[in-house]
Amino acid sequence: MARSKSQPTAATQKMKGQGKPSQAKVSPLRPDVLTLILSLALIAVTLAVFWQVRNHEFISFDDNEYVTNNPQVKSGLTLRG
């Protein structure tokens, strides 16, 4: 049986983009729930990485000059500082 010229073959349909539309993968979670889960995961990872720092003290090289004795730090938050 001969094919008519009006019906394209499967190969030409794919080339022209006329094949079956591809199904986009949809997340089973709603976007707001997914955002909440990702935010909580990011907070948990950040806390896990920096948790060890809570017991660290200043090092004695230049912390007193740049932090505790700094006039800009002592004056508080201002536009100039």
N, C-alpha and C. Protein backbone atom coordinates (compact mmCIF):
# COMPACT_ATOMS: atom_id res chain seq x y z
N MET A 1 0.83 -1.16 0.00
CA MET A 1 0.00 0.00 0.00
C MET A 1 0.89 1.24 0.00
N ALA A 2 0.66 2.13 -0.89
CA ALA A 2 1.49 3.34 -1.03
C ALA A 2 0.97 4.44 -0.11
N ARG A 3 1.94 5.16 0.44
CA ARG A 3 1.59 6.28 1.31
C ARG A 3 1.32 7.51 0.47
N SER A 4 0.34 8.27 0.89
CA SER A 4 0.08 9.51 0.15
C SER A 4 1.08 10.57 0.59
N LYS A 5 1.30 11.53 -0.23
CA LYS A 5 2.28 12.58 0.06
C LYS A 5 1.81 13.52 1.17
N SER A 6 0.54 13.51 1.49
CA SER A 6 0.03 14.44 2.51
C SER A 6 0.33 13.97 3.92
N GLN A 7 0.64 12.69 4.13
CA GLN A 7 0.91 12.19 5.46
C GLN A 7 2.41 12.01 5.64
N PRO A 8 3.03 12.78 6.55
CA PRO A 8 4.47 12.66 6.77
C PRO A 8 4.81 11.38 7.53
N THR A 9 6.02 10.93 7.36
CA THR A 9 6.49 9.74 8.07
C THR A 9 6.83 10.12 9.50
N ALA A 10 7.09 9.13 10.33
CA ALA A 10 7.43 9.38 11.74
C ALA A 10 8.73 10.16 11.84
N ALA A 11 9.67 9.88 10.94
CA ALA A 11 10.96 10.59 10.98
C ALA A 11 10.78 12.07 10.65
N THR A 12 9.96 12.36 9.66
CA THR A 12 9.78 13.78 9.31
C THR A 12 8.94 14.50 10.34
N GLN A 13 8.04 13.77 11.03
CA GLN A 13 7.29 14.41 12.11
C GLN A 13 8.20 14.85 13.23
N LYS A 14 9.17 14.01 13.58
CA LYS A 14 10.11 14.36 14.64
C LYS A 14 10.98 15.53 14.24
N MET A 15 11.39 15.55 12.97
CA MET A 15 12.24 16.63 12.50
C MET A 15 11.49 17.95 12.49
N LYS A 16 10.22 17.91 12.16
CA LYS A 16 9.43 19.13 12.09
C LYS A 16 8.81 19.49 13.42
N GLY A 17 8.95 18.64 14.42
CA GLY A 17 8.37 18.91 15.72
C GLY A 17 6.87 18.64 15.76
N GLN A 18 6.37 17.79 14.83
CA GLN A 18 4.95 17.52 14.77
C GLN A 18 4.59 16.21 15.47
N GLY A 19 5.54 15.61 16.14
CA GLY A 19 5.27 14.35 16.82
C GLY A 19 4.42 14.59 18.05
N LYS A 20 4.27 13.55 18.84
CA LYS A 20 3.48 13.69 20.05
C LYS A 20 4.14 14.71 20.97
N PRO A 21 3.35 15.58 21.58
CA PRO A 21 3.95 16.54 22.50
C PRO A 21 4.53 15.81 23.71
N SER A 22 5.73 16.20 24.10
CA SER A 22 6.37 15.54 25.23
C SER A 22 5.72 16.02 26.53
N GLN A 23 5.57 15.09 27.43
CA GLN A 23 4.98 15.40 28.72
C GLN A 23 6.05 16.00 29.62
N ALA A 24 5.84 17.20 30.12
CA ALA A 24 6.79 17.81 31.04
C ALA A 24 6.62 17.15 32.40
N LYS A 25 7.75 16.87 33.04
CA LYS A 25 7.68 16.26 34.36
C LYS A 25 7.22 17.31 35.36
N VAL A 26 6.18 16.98 36.07
CA VAL A 26 5.59 17.90 37.04
C VAL A 26 5.89 17.36 38.43
N SER A 27 6.37 18.24 39.29
CA SER A 27 6.65 17.84 40.66
C SER A 27 5.34 17.54 41.37
N PRO A 28 5.29 16.47 42.17
CA PRO A 28 4.05 16.16 42.88
C PRO A 28 3.76 17.16 44.00
N LEU A 29 4.75 17.97 44.38
CA LEU A 29 4.56 18.95 45.43
C LEU A 29 4.17 20.30 44.85
N ARG A 30 3.36 21.02 45.59
CA ARG A 30 3.02 22.38 45.17
C ARG A 30 4.25 23.26 45.32
N PRO A 31 4.34 24.34 44.54
CA PRO A 31 5.53 25.20 44.60
C PRO A 31 5.79 25.80 45.98
N ASP A 32 4.74 26.16 46.73
CA ASP A 32 4.96 26.74 48.05
C ASP A 32 5.50 25.71 49.04
N VAL A 33 5.06 24.46 48.92
CA VAL A 33 5.57 23.40 49.80
C VAL A 33 7.01 23.08 49.43
N LEU A 34 7.30 23.04 48.15
CA LEU A 34 8.67 22.78 47.69
C LEU A 34 9.61 23.89 48.16
N THR A 35 9.16 25.14 48.08
CA THR A 35 9.96 26.27 48.55
C THR A 35 10.23 26.16 50.04
N LEU A 36 9.23 25.78 50.82
CA LEU A 36 9.39 25.62 52.26
C LEU A 36 10.40 24.52 52.57
N ILE A 37 10.29 23.40 51.89
CA ILE A 37 11.21 22.28 52.14
C ILE A 37 12.64 22.67 51.78
N LEU A 38 12.83 23.33 50.64
CA LEU A 38 14.17 23.75 50.24
C LEU A 38 14.74 24.80 51.20
N SER A 39 13.91 25.69 51.69
CA SER A 39 14.37 26.71 52.65
C SER A 39 14.81 26.05 53.95
N LEU A 40 14.02 25.12 54.45
CA LEU A 40 14.38 24.43 55.69
C LEU A 40 15.65 23.60 55.51
N ALA A 41 15.82 22.99 54.35
CA ALA A 41 17.03 22.23 54.09
C ALA A 41 18.25 23.15 54.06
N LEU A 42 18.10 24.32 53.45
CA LEU A 42 19.21 25.27 53.41
C LEU A 42 19.57 25.77 54.80
N ILE A 43 18.58 26.03 55.63
CA ILE A 43 18.85 26.45 57.01
C ILE A 43 19.55 25.34 57.78
N ALA A 44 19.10 24.10 57.61
CA ALA A 44 19.72 22.97 58.32
C ALA A 44 21.17 22.77 57.89
N VAL A 45 21.45 22.88 56.60
CA VAL A 45 22.83 22.71 56.12
C VAL A 45 23.71 23.85 56.65
N THR A 46 23.21 25.06 56.64
CA THR A 46 23.98 26.20 57.15
C THR A 46 24.29 26.03 58.63
N LEU A 47 23.30 25.64 59.41
CA LEU A 47 23.54 25.42 60.84
C LEU A 47 24.53 24.28 61.07
N ALA A 48 24.43 23.23 60.28
CA ALA A 48 25.35 22.10 60.45
C ALA A 48 26.79 22.51 60.16
N VAL A 49 26.98 23.36 59.16
CA VAL A 49 28.33 23.77 58.79
C VAL A 49 28.92 24.72 59.84
N PHE A 50 28.12 25.67 60.31
CA PHE A 50 28.64 26.70 61.20
C PHE A 50 28.42 26.43 62.69
N TRP A 51 27.86 25.29 63.06
CA TRP A 51 27.57 24.99 64.46
C TRP A 51 28.85 24.95 65.31
N GLN A 52 29.94 24.48 64.74
CA GLN A 52 31.20 24.38 65.49
C GLN A 52 31.78 25.74 65.85
N VAL A 53 31.38 26.78 65.17
CA VAL A 53 31.95 28.11 65.38
C VAL A 53 31.44 28.75 66.68
N ARG A 54 30.35 28.27 67.21
CA ARG A 54 29.74 28.91 68.38
C ARG A 54 30.66 28.92 69.60
N ASN A 55 31.61 28.02 69.68
CA ASN A 55 32.51 27.97 70.83
C ASN A 55 33.86 28.63 70.56
N HIS A 56 34.06 29.18 69.39
CA HIS A 56 35.34 29.80 69.07
C HIS A 56 35.43 31.19 69.69
N GLU A 57 36.62 31.55 70.07
CA GLU A 57 36.86 32.87 70.63
C GLU A 57 37.61 33.72 69.62
N PHE A 58 37.78 35.02 69.97
CA PHE A 58 38.58 35.89 69.12
C PHE A 58 40.02 35.39 69.11
N ILE A 59 40.69 35.59 67.98
CA ILE A 59 42.12 35.33 67.97
C ILE A 59 42.81 36.62 68.38
N SER A 60 43.98 36.52 68.92
CA SER A 60 44.59 37.70 69.54
C SER A 60 45.48 38.50 68.59
N PHE A 61 45.40 38.29 67.30
CA PHE A 61 46.25 39.04 66.37
C PHE A 61 45.82 40.50 66.25
N ASP A 62 44.58 40.72 65.82
CA ASP A 62 44.15 42.10 65.60
C ASP A 62 42.68 42.33 65.92
N ASP A 63 42.03 41.40 66.59
CA ASP A 63 40.62 41.56 66.89
C ASP A 63 40.34 42.75 67.79
N ASN A 64 41.23 42.99 68.75
CA ASN A 64 41.01 44.13 69.65
C ASN A 64 41.06 45.45 68.89
N GLU A 65 41.98 45.57 67.94
CA GLU A 65 42.10 46.82 67.18
C GLU A 65 40.93 47.01 66.22
N TYR A 66 40.54 45.97 65.54
CA TYR A 66 39.53 46.10 64.49
C TYR A 66 38.10 45.94 64.99
N VAL A 67 37.90 45.33 66.14
CA VAL A 67 36.53 45.10 66.60
C VAL A 67 36.23 45.84 67.89
N THR A 68 36.87 45.46 68.96
CA THR A 68 36.47 46.00 70.27
C THR A 68 36.95 47.42 70.51
N ASN A 69 38.08 47.84 69.93
CA ASN A 69 38.58 49.21 70.14
C ASN A 69 38.35 50.11 68.93
N ASN A 70 37.60 49.67 67.96
CA ASN A 70 37.37 50.44 66.75
C ASN A 70 36.35 51.55 67.03
N PRO A 71 36.71 52.83 66.79
CA PRO A 71 35.78 53.93 67.08
C PRO A 71 34.50 53.85 66.25
N GLN A 72 34.57 53.38 65.01
CA GLN A 72 33.36 53.26 64.19
C GLN A 72 32.43 52.18 64.73
N VAL A 73 32.99 51.12 65.26
CA VAL A 73 32.16 50.07 65.86
C VAL A 73 31.55 50.58 67.16
N LYS A 74 32.33 51.30 67.95
CA LYS A 74 31.85 51.82 69.22
C LYS A 74 30.76 52.87 69.05
N SER A 75 30.79 53.62 67.94
CA SER A 75 29.78 54.66 67.74
C SER A 75 28.44 54.10 67.31
N GLY A 76 28.37 52.85 66.96
CA GLY A 76 27.10 52.24 66.58
C GLY A 76 26.81 52.41 65.10
N LEU A 77 25.61 52.08 64.72
CA LEU A 77 25.20 52.18 63.33
C LEU A 77 24.79 53.62 63.00
N THR A 78 25.56 54.24 62.12
CA THR A 78 25.26 55.59 61.66
C THR A 78 25.42 55.63 60.16
N LEU A 79 24.97 56.71 59.53
CA LEU A 79 25.18 56.86 58.09
C LEU A 79 26.66 56.98 57.76
N ARG A 80 27.38 57.69 58.60
CA ARG A 80 28.82 57.87 58.36
C ARG A 80 29.61 56.59 58.58
N GLY A 81 29.23 55.83 59.59
CA GLY A 81 29.95 54.61 59.94
C GLY A 81 29.59 53.47 59.07
